[in-house]
Every structure is written in C-alpha cells, then in structure tokens.
Amino acid sequence: MAAWFLFFRYINMTYCVGMCVDEGLVFLSDTRTNAGVDHVSAARKMAVFEQPGERVIVLLAAGNLALTQAVTQLLAEPAGPDAPTLYNCATMAEAARIVGDAVREVHRRDAMSLAEFSVDFNCSFILGGQIEGQGPRMFMVYAAGNFIESTRVSPYFQIGESKYGKPIIDRVITPASPLDEAAKCALISMDSTLRSNLSVGLPLDLLVYEKDSLRVTRFATLDNNSAYYQMINRSWGERLRQLFGEIPNPSWTDLADVPLRPRETRATVPRLVIGDVPPGGSDAPAQTLAQDVEAAGNAPQD
C-alpha cells in the first residue's frame, strides 16, 4: 500500500512547449501538479536564468516534481565555486550538458531509492535561450541526461501531456512564424490540452524572448481572470464549431467497393439422441457390438 501511495504522491503531469523561430523563442508551461485526485496543487515548471545584456536561459520541466525540483536546485546552487553553471557557460550546448549532468547526478543519488518503491525516474526538460555573440538555441533534455536540439524542420519541443496540443503546432508553426503568432499558437495548443486533460491546469506561465534582446521583455501569468486567455478559449472553440459546420458532409458513392465478407456455410451431420426412434424402426444400424450380437440371437452365422 505504501509503495502505491508514494507512486501517486510523486506523480506530476504537466504540459510545456517551447518554440524556436527566426524572431526569437517562446516558452509556455502550466502549473498543475498532483499526488492523486485528493492532492491537486500548483507548482511553477519554468525557471529563468538571466544576466541582462549578457544571457537569458529558460528551463521548462515535466515529470516527477521532486526530481525536477532537485535538478533545478542543483543548477541554481552548484556543488563548488569553480563548477560550470548556466550563468557562466560559454555556449547553449554547454548549458544543455550542464542540465544533463545535473539530471545524472540526481539519478545517481535517488534512482535506486525510488525503484524500491516502484517509482520510475521520470523527468524531462526544455532548455532554450541566447548568450551574447551567439544565436538563440533550444534543446530537449531526457531523463538519461542526453539531449537533442531543435532544427528548422522541427522548430519546437513538447514535454508532458503533448498529444492534445500537437496538431495545431504541426499545422501552423514554421521557423518564419512571427513571434506573436508563435505565442498565440502555443496558447491555443495549451487550451486544447486543458480541454482534454485534467492533469494540466491554470495558471500558465508565458515567456516570449525577442532575439538579441538578452533580457526578458515579455512575460505573463495567465489564469481564469485573464481577458486574453478567456478570448482565446472562447473564440477558438466558437470558430472551430463554425468551421466544422461549414465543411460539407461526406458523400456516399462507393457502395460497390464495400469489403463484404461472404457468409460461410457448413455441412450439418444429423445427430441421434438416446431415446429417439430412428426412421425405419429396428432396421436402424446397431450402435454397439453387443447390440449387434443380441439382435442375431447368439446364433451361429453361415
């Protein structure tokens, strides 16, 4: 019982999305965390590491809340004064390696203890930002500490409950998407997820980074009282229903191509039930050797 309680105690579903377009970066995360249906709470999944005029680095986290907070804590408080940090790394690729190393350190410390209670080591991160003299970059860091970078073919990452909000991003976002449109798409993606999954919830943290600004200039926390989010939620649903109604109904013209399966026929064999009198009375064949002998009267046969 204790093992299952701990499993639910540490579970943390969320939805985070990061986009890397020509004009900059977009980061959006929810704040819901839960330890079962009776323990729903809120915790921020976004952490910002900023030195204005020199760098802005943003980290989004999903998975086991205790693990993601442990990783974030290691990044904010390095083990030694000479240890590389997100505040002094030379490149964004090095920043991704630092996050991966922190994930591995937490794994070395906690993974075996969690396994004793059947709790998986579950965490993932989106890391993005810009360091002076370089362009904006974005990475996704896995639970093993390895990572991949976004490309022009795939300019976004999702972690957590990603499936509900993925279709709109696939249809809309390209590297050439304006920054404001990318932010709007991220919010619609989040709204679709909120509509279909109770483990994702308000309020939302939205950060939009303008390329080469090297400081945070656009940030908003959105909840049920946010006029813009209410507009997104209402107008997106209404326009979807309107567009759905404008699409013509299907036409059914291919009845000749219905994949009909012919009905199989089986030969039936009549069954004799004990007690029934077969047609022809005593002319029916004997069912056993004893009946055959009895019918012949034990007389010798020529």
Protein backbone atom coordinates (compact mmCIF):
# COMPACT_ATOMS: atom_id res chain seq x y z
CA MET A 1 0.00 0.00 0.00
CA ALA A 2 2.84 2.38 0.89
CA ALA A 3 4.50 1.83 -2.47
CA TRP A 4 1.37 2.79 -4.39
CA PHE A 5 0.85 5.80 -2.13
CA LEU A 6 4.35 7.05 -2.85
CA PHE A 7 3.87 6.46 -6.55
CA PHE A 8 0.86 8.74 -6.64
CA ARG A 9 2.43 11.11 -4.14
CA TYR A 10 5.22 11.95 -6.54
CA ILE A 11 3.40 11.84 -9.87
CA ASN A 12 3.37 15.16 -11.73
CA MET A 13 1.77 15.52 -15.13
CA THR A 14 2.09 18.81 -16.96
CA TYR A 15 2.35 20.34 -20.41
CA CYS A 16 5.19 22.55 -21.56
CA VAL A 17 6.01 23.75 -25.05
CA GLY A 18 8.98 25.66 -26.41
CA MET A 19 9.30 27.15 -29.91
CA CYS A 20 12.40 28.43 -31.71
CA VAL A 21 11.57 30.76 -34.62
CA ASP A 22 13.61 33.31 -36.52
CA GLU A 23 12.44 36.21 -34.36
CA GLY A 24 13.15 34.51 -31.01
CA LEU A 25 11.86 31.93 -28.55
CA VAL A 26 8.52 31.10 -26.94
CA PHE A 27 8.12 29.21 -23.65
CA LEU A 28 4.79 28.17 -22.12
CA SER A 29 4.08 25.94 -19.12
CA ASP A 30 1.15 25.11 -16.88
CA THR A 31 1.42 24.92 -13.10
CA ARG A 32 -0.72 21.95 -12.08
CA THR A 33 0.80 19.16 -10.02
CA ASN A 34 -0.97 16.31 -8.30
CA ALA A 35 -0.39 13.41 -5.97
CA GLY A 36 -3.69 11.72 -6.75
CA VAL A 37 -7.18 13.11 -7.10
CA ASP A 38 -7.23 14.30 -3.48
CA HIS A 39 -3.90 16.17 -3.67
CA VAL A 40 -4.05 18.65 -6.57
CA SER A 41 -1.80 21.68 -6.21
CA ALA A 42 0.21 24.19 -8.22
CA ALA A 43 3.95 24.49 -8.81
CA ARG A 44 5.82 26.51 -11.39
CA LYS A 45 7.56 24.46 -14.10
CA MET A 46 9.53 27.40 -15.52
CA ALA A 47 12.89 28.70 -14.25
CA VAL A 48 14.69 31.72 -15.75
CA PHE A 49 18.44 32.29 -15.53
CA GLU A 50 19.14 35.87 -16.62
CA GLN A 51 22.08 38.22 -16.71
CA PRO A 52 20.65 41.26 -18.53
CA GLY A 53 22.72 42.24 -21.54
CA GLU A 54 24.74 39.00 -21.43
CA ARG A 55 22.38 36.00 -21.44
CA VAL A 56 18.85 34.70 -20.95
CA ILE A 57 18.31 30.97 -20.39
CA VAL A 58 14.90 29.42 -19.70
CA LEU A 59 14.24 25.92 -18.36
CA LEU A 60 10.87 24.11 -18.52
CA ALA A 61 10.38 20.87 -16.58
CA ALA A 62 7.94 17.95 -16.64
CA GLY A 63 7.74 14.66 -14.79
CA ASN A 64 8.25 13.77 -11.16
CA LEU A 65 8.08 17.08 -9.30
CA ALA A 66 10.59 16.06 -6.62
CA LEU A 67 13.11 15.13 -9.33
CA THR A 68 12.64 18.24 -11.47
CA GLN A 69 12.97 20.48 -8.42
CA ALA A 70 16.10 18.62 -7.35
CA VAL A 71 17.65 19.21 -10.79
CA THR A 72 16.69 22.89 -10.75
CA GLN A 73 18.17 23.23 -7.27
CA LEU A 74 21.49 21.78 -8.43
CA LEU A 75 21.56 24.24 -11.31
CA ALA A 76 20.88 27.19 -9.02
CA GLU A 77 23.31 26.06 -6.31
CA PRO A 78 26.34 24.30 -7.89
CA ALA A 79 28.47 21.98 -5.80
CA GLY A 80 31.62 24.14 -5.90
CA PRO A 81 32.69 27.69 -6.77
CA ASP A 82 34.53 26.51 -9.87
CA ALA A 83 31.74 24.30 -11.19
CA PRO A 84 30.26 25.32 -14.54
CA THR A 85 26.80 26.87 -14.27
CA LEU A 86 24.13 28.29 -16.53
CA TYR A 87 25.44 31.74 -15.56
CA ASN A 88 29.00 31.18 -16.80
CA CYS A 89 28.81 28.53 -19.56
CA ALA A 90 30.22 29.63 -22.91
CA THR A 91 27.56 28.20 -25.23
CA MET A 92 23.98 26.96 -25.13
CA ALA A 93 25.22 23.46 -26.00
CA GLU A 94 27.36 23.56 -22.86
CA ALA A 95 24.29 24.73 -20.93
CA ALA A 96 22.44 21.63 -22.16
CA ARG A 97 25.33 19.44 -20.99
CA ILE A 98 25.22 21.11 -17.56
CA VAL A 99 21.50 20.32 -17.27
CA GLY A 100 22.15 16.74 -18.40
CA ASP A 101 24.90 16.35 -15.80
CA ALA A 102 22.54 17.61 -13.09
CA VAL A 103 19.93 15.04 -14.17
CA ARG A 104 22.52 12.26 -13.95
CA GLU A 105 23.65 13.43 -10.52
CA VAL A 106 20.08 13.29 -9.20
CA HIS A 107 19.70 9.86 -10.81
CA ARG A 108 22.83 8.57 -9.04
CA ARG A 109 21.50 9.86 -5.74
CA ASP A 110 17.80 8.97 -5.92
CA ALA A 111 17.06 6.37 -8.61
CA MET A 112 17.70 3.25 -6.51
CA SER A 113 15.65 4.57 -3.59
CA LEU A 114 12.74 5.34 -5.91
CA ALA A 115 13.00 1.91 -7.52
CA GLU A 116 12.48 0.27 -4.12
CA PHE A 117 9.02 1.86 -4.09
CA SER A 118 8.32 1.09 -7.79
CA VAL A 119 8.64 4.76 -8.73
CA ASP A 120 10.19 5.47 -12.13
CA PHE A 121 12.91 8.08 -12.61
CA ASN A 122 10.74 10.33 -14.75
CA CYS A 123 11.77 13.84 -15.77
CA SER A 124 12.38 15.82 -18.95
CA PHE A 125 13.30 19.41 -19.74
CA ILE A 126 13.16 22.04 -22.45
CA LEU A 127 16.13 24.40 -22.37
CA GLY A 128 16.38 27.48 -24.53
CA GLY A 129 17.97 30.88 -24.60
CA GLN A 130 20.69 33.07 -26.01
CA ILE A 131 24.22 34.01 -24.93
CA GLU A 132 25.83 37.23 -26.16
CA GLY A 133 27.52 36.85 -29.52
CA GLN A 134 25.52 33.72 -30.45
CA GLY A 135 22.08 32.99 -31.84
CA PRO A 136 19.09 31.66 -29.87
CA ARG A 137 19.03 27.87 -29.48
CA MET A 138 16.69 25.31 -27.92
CA PHE A 139 17.24 21.77 -26.60
CA MET A 140 15.24 18.95 -25.05
CA VAL A 141 16.96 17.05 -22.22
CA TYR A 142 15.84 13.49 -21.44
CA ALA A 143 15.77 11.55 -18.17
CA ALA A 144 19.10 9.90 -19.11
CA GLY A 145 20.78 13.30 -19.34
CA ASN A 146 21.19 13.18 -23.11
CA PHE A 147 19.67 15.89 -25.28
CA ILE A 148 18.70 16.95 -28.80
CA GLU A 149 18.49 20.38 -30.46
CA SER A 150 15.60 21.88 -32.38
CA THR A 151 16.01 22.30 -36.13
CA ARG A 152 14.35 24.30 -38.88
CA VAL A 153 12.47 21.15 -39.84
CA SER A 154 11.22 20.69 -36.27
CA PRO A 155 11.39 24.10 -34.54
CA TYR A 156 9.57 23.18 -31.34
CA PHE A 157 9.60 20.78 -28.39
CA GLN A 158 6.85 19.48 -26.11
CA ILE A 159 7.11 17.65 -22.79
CA GLY A 160 4.41 16.19 -20.58
CA GLU A 161 0.90 15.76 -22.00
CA SER A 162 1.90 16.65 -25.55
CA LYS A 163 -0.57 14.79 -27.76
CA TYR A 164 -3.57 17.09 -27.38
CA GLY A 165 -1.75 20.28 -28.36
CA LYS A 166 0.48 18.88 -31.11
CA PRO A 167 -1.82 19.07 -34.19
CA ILE A 168 -2.23 22.87 -34.17
CA ILE A 169 1.55 23.37 -33.85
CA ASP A 170 2.27 20.97 -36.71
CA ARG A 171 -0.17 22.85 -38.95
CA VAL A 172 0.89 26.40 -38.07
CA ILE A 173 4.46 26.79 -36.82
CA THR A 174 7.46 27.24 -39.15
CA PRO A 175 10.79 28.97 -38.49
CA ALA A 176 9.39 32.02 -40.31
CA SER A 177 6.37 32.34 -37.99
CA PRO A 178 6.20 35.78 -36.35
CA LEU A 179 6.92 35.74 -32.64
CA ASP A 180 3.44 36.92 -31.64
CA GLU A 181 1.80 34.26 -33.81
CA ALA A 182 4.01 31.60 -32.26
CA ALA A 183 2.92 32.74 -28.78
CA LYS A 184 -0.72 32.65 -29.88
CA CYS A 185 -0.27 29.14 -31.30
CA ALA A 186 1.32 27.98 -28.05
CA LEU A 187 -1.67 29.27 -26.09
CA ILE A 188 -4.15 27.55 -28.41
CA SER A 189 -2.12 24.35 -28.06
CA MET A 190 -2.31 24.69 -24.27
CA ASP A 191 -6.05 25.43 -24.40
CA SER A 192 -6.65 22.23 -26.38
CA THR A 193 -4.69 20.30 -23.74
CA LEU A 194 -6.59 21.90 -20.86
CA ARG A 195 -9.84 20.98 -22.58
CA SER A 196 -8.96 17.28 -22.79
CA ASN A 197 -6.73 16.51 -19.81
CA LEU A 198 -7.43 17.22 -16.15
CA SER A 199 -3.79 16.76 -15.12
CA VAL A 200 -2.92 20.07 -16.83
CA GLY A 201 -4.24 23.27 -15.29
CA LEU A 202 -4.12 27.03 -14.89
CA PRO A 203 -2.40 29.36 -14.22
CA LEU A 204 0.03 29.44 -17.14
CA ASP A 205 3.49 30.99 -17.39
CA LEU A 206 4.23 32.51 -20.82
CA LEU A 207 7.63 33.96 -21.70
CA VAL A 208 8.44 35.35 -25.14
CA TYR A 209 12.09 36.12 -25.82
CA GLU A 210 12.99 38.56 -28.59
CA LYS A 211 16.16 37.66 -30.48
CA ASP A 212 19.27 39.65 -29.42
CA SER A 213 17.45 41.47 -26.60
CA LEU A 214 19.46 39.49 -23.99
CA ARG A 215 16.86 40.29 -21.34
CA VAL A 216 13.30 39.26 -20.51
CA THR A 217 10.91 41.76 -22.09
CA ARG A 218 7.66 39.80 -22.40
CA PHE A 219 6.23 37.67 -19.63
CA ALA A 220 2.69 36.95 -18.44
CA THR A 221 0.93 34.72 -15.96
CA LEU A 222 -2.49 33.75 -17.31
CA ASP A 223 -5.39 32.40 -15.25
CA ASN A 224 -9.18 32.31 -15.46
CA ASN A 225 -9.28 36.09 -14.91
CA SER A 226 -7.03 36.82 -17.89
CA ALA A 227 -9.07 38.59 -20.57
CA TYR A 228 -6.76 37.43 -23.36
CA TYR A 229 -6.87 33.79 -22.32
CA GLN A 230 -10.67 33.93 -21.98
CA MET A 231 -10.81 35.32 -25.52
CA ILE A 232 -8.56 32.50 -26.82
CA ASN A 233 -10.67 29.87 -25.06
CA ARG A 234 -13.99 31.28 -26.26
CA SER A 235 -13.16 32.33 -29.82
CA TRP A 236 -11.12 29.21 -30.66
CA GLY A 237 -13.99 26.93 -29.65
CA GLU A 238 -16.59 29.04 -31.45
CA ARG A 239 -14.58 29.29 -34.67
CA LEU A 240 -13.84 25.58 -34.68
CA ARG A 241 -17.54 24.78 -34.41
CA GLN A 242 -18.31 27.34 -37.11
CA LEU A 243 -15.69 25.93 -39.48
CA PHE A 244 -16.85 22.40 -38.71
CA GLY A 245 -20.39 23.34 -39.70
CA GLU A 246 -19.18 24.85 -42.98
CA ILE A 247 -17.43 21.69 -44.13
CA PRO A 248 -19.73 19.64 -46.44
CA ASN A 249 -20.95 16.29 -45.19
CA PRO A 250 -19.42 13.13 -46.74
CA SER A 251 -20.86 11.76 -49.98
CA TRP A 252 -21.52 8.02 -50.09
CA THR A 253 -20.77 6.93 -53.68
CA ASP A 254 -18.63 3.81 -53.33
CA LEU A 255 -21.12 1.17 -52.22
CA ALA A 256 -19.74 -1.20 -54.86
CA ASP A 257 -16.42 -1.22 -53.02
CA VAL A 258 -17.78 -2.30 -49.63
CA PRO A 259 -15.44 -5.05 -48.37
CA LEU A 260 -18.19 -7.61 -47.87
CA ARG A 261 -17.18 -10.98 -46.50
CA PRO A 262 -19.21 -13.93 -47.88
CA ARG A 263 -21.12 -15.96 -45.36
CA GLU A 264 -19.53 -19.33 -44.73
CA THR A 265 -21.72 -22.47 -44.91
CA ARG A 266 -21.02 -25.67 -43.02
CA ALA A 267 -22.35 -29.18 -43.78
CA THR A 268 -24.56 -30.42 -40.94
CA VAL A 269 -24.45 -34.02 -39.73
CA PRO A 270 -27.69 -35.39 -38.11
CA ARG A 271 -27.17 -36.47 -34.51
CA LEU A 272 -29.02 -39.38 -32.88
CA VAL A 273 -30.25 -38.65 -29.39
CA ILE A 274 -30.62 -41.58 -26.97
CA GLY A 275 -34.27 -42.49 -26.66
CA ASP A 276 -35.24 -41.35 -30.10
CA VAL A 277 -36.62 -43.93 -32.55
CA PRO A 278 -34.81 -43.62 -35.83
CA PRO A 279 -36.77 -43.84 -39.07
CA GLY A 280 -37.34 -47.44 -40.14
CA GLY A 281 -37.63 -48.82 -36.58
CA SER A 282 -35.43 -51.88 -35.96
CA ASP A 283 -33.76 -51.54 -39.33
CA ALA A 284 -31.55 -48.88 -37.84
CA PRO A 285 -27.91 -49.97 -37.56
CA ALA A 286 -26.71 -51.26 -34.17
CA GLN A 287 -24.78 -48.68 -32.14
CA THR A 288 -22.54 -51.24 -30.34
CA LEU A 289 -21.19 -54.74 -30.88
CA ALA A 290 -23.34 -56.03 -28.00
CA GLN A 291 -26.49 -54.77 -29.68
CA ASP A 292 -25.48 -56.46 -32.93
CA VAL A 293 -24.98 -59.84 -31.19
CA GLU A 294 -28.25 -59.53 -29.28
CA ALA A 295 -30.18 -58.84 -32.46
CA ALA A 296 -28.76 -62.00 -34.06
CA GLY A 297 -29.86 -64.16 -31.08
CA ASN A 298 -26.34 -65.51 -30.50
CA ALA A 299 -26.97 -67.94 -33.36
CA PRO A 300 -24.10 -69.11 -35.48
CA GLN A 301 -23.97 -67.48 -38.85
CA ASP A 302 -23.40 -69.22 -42.17
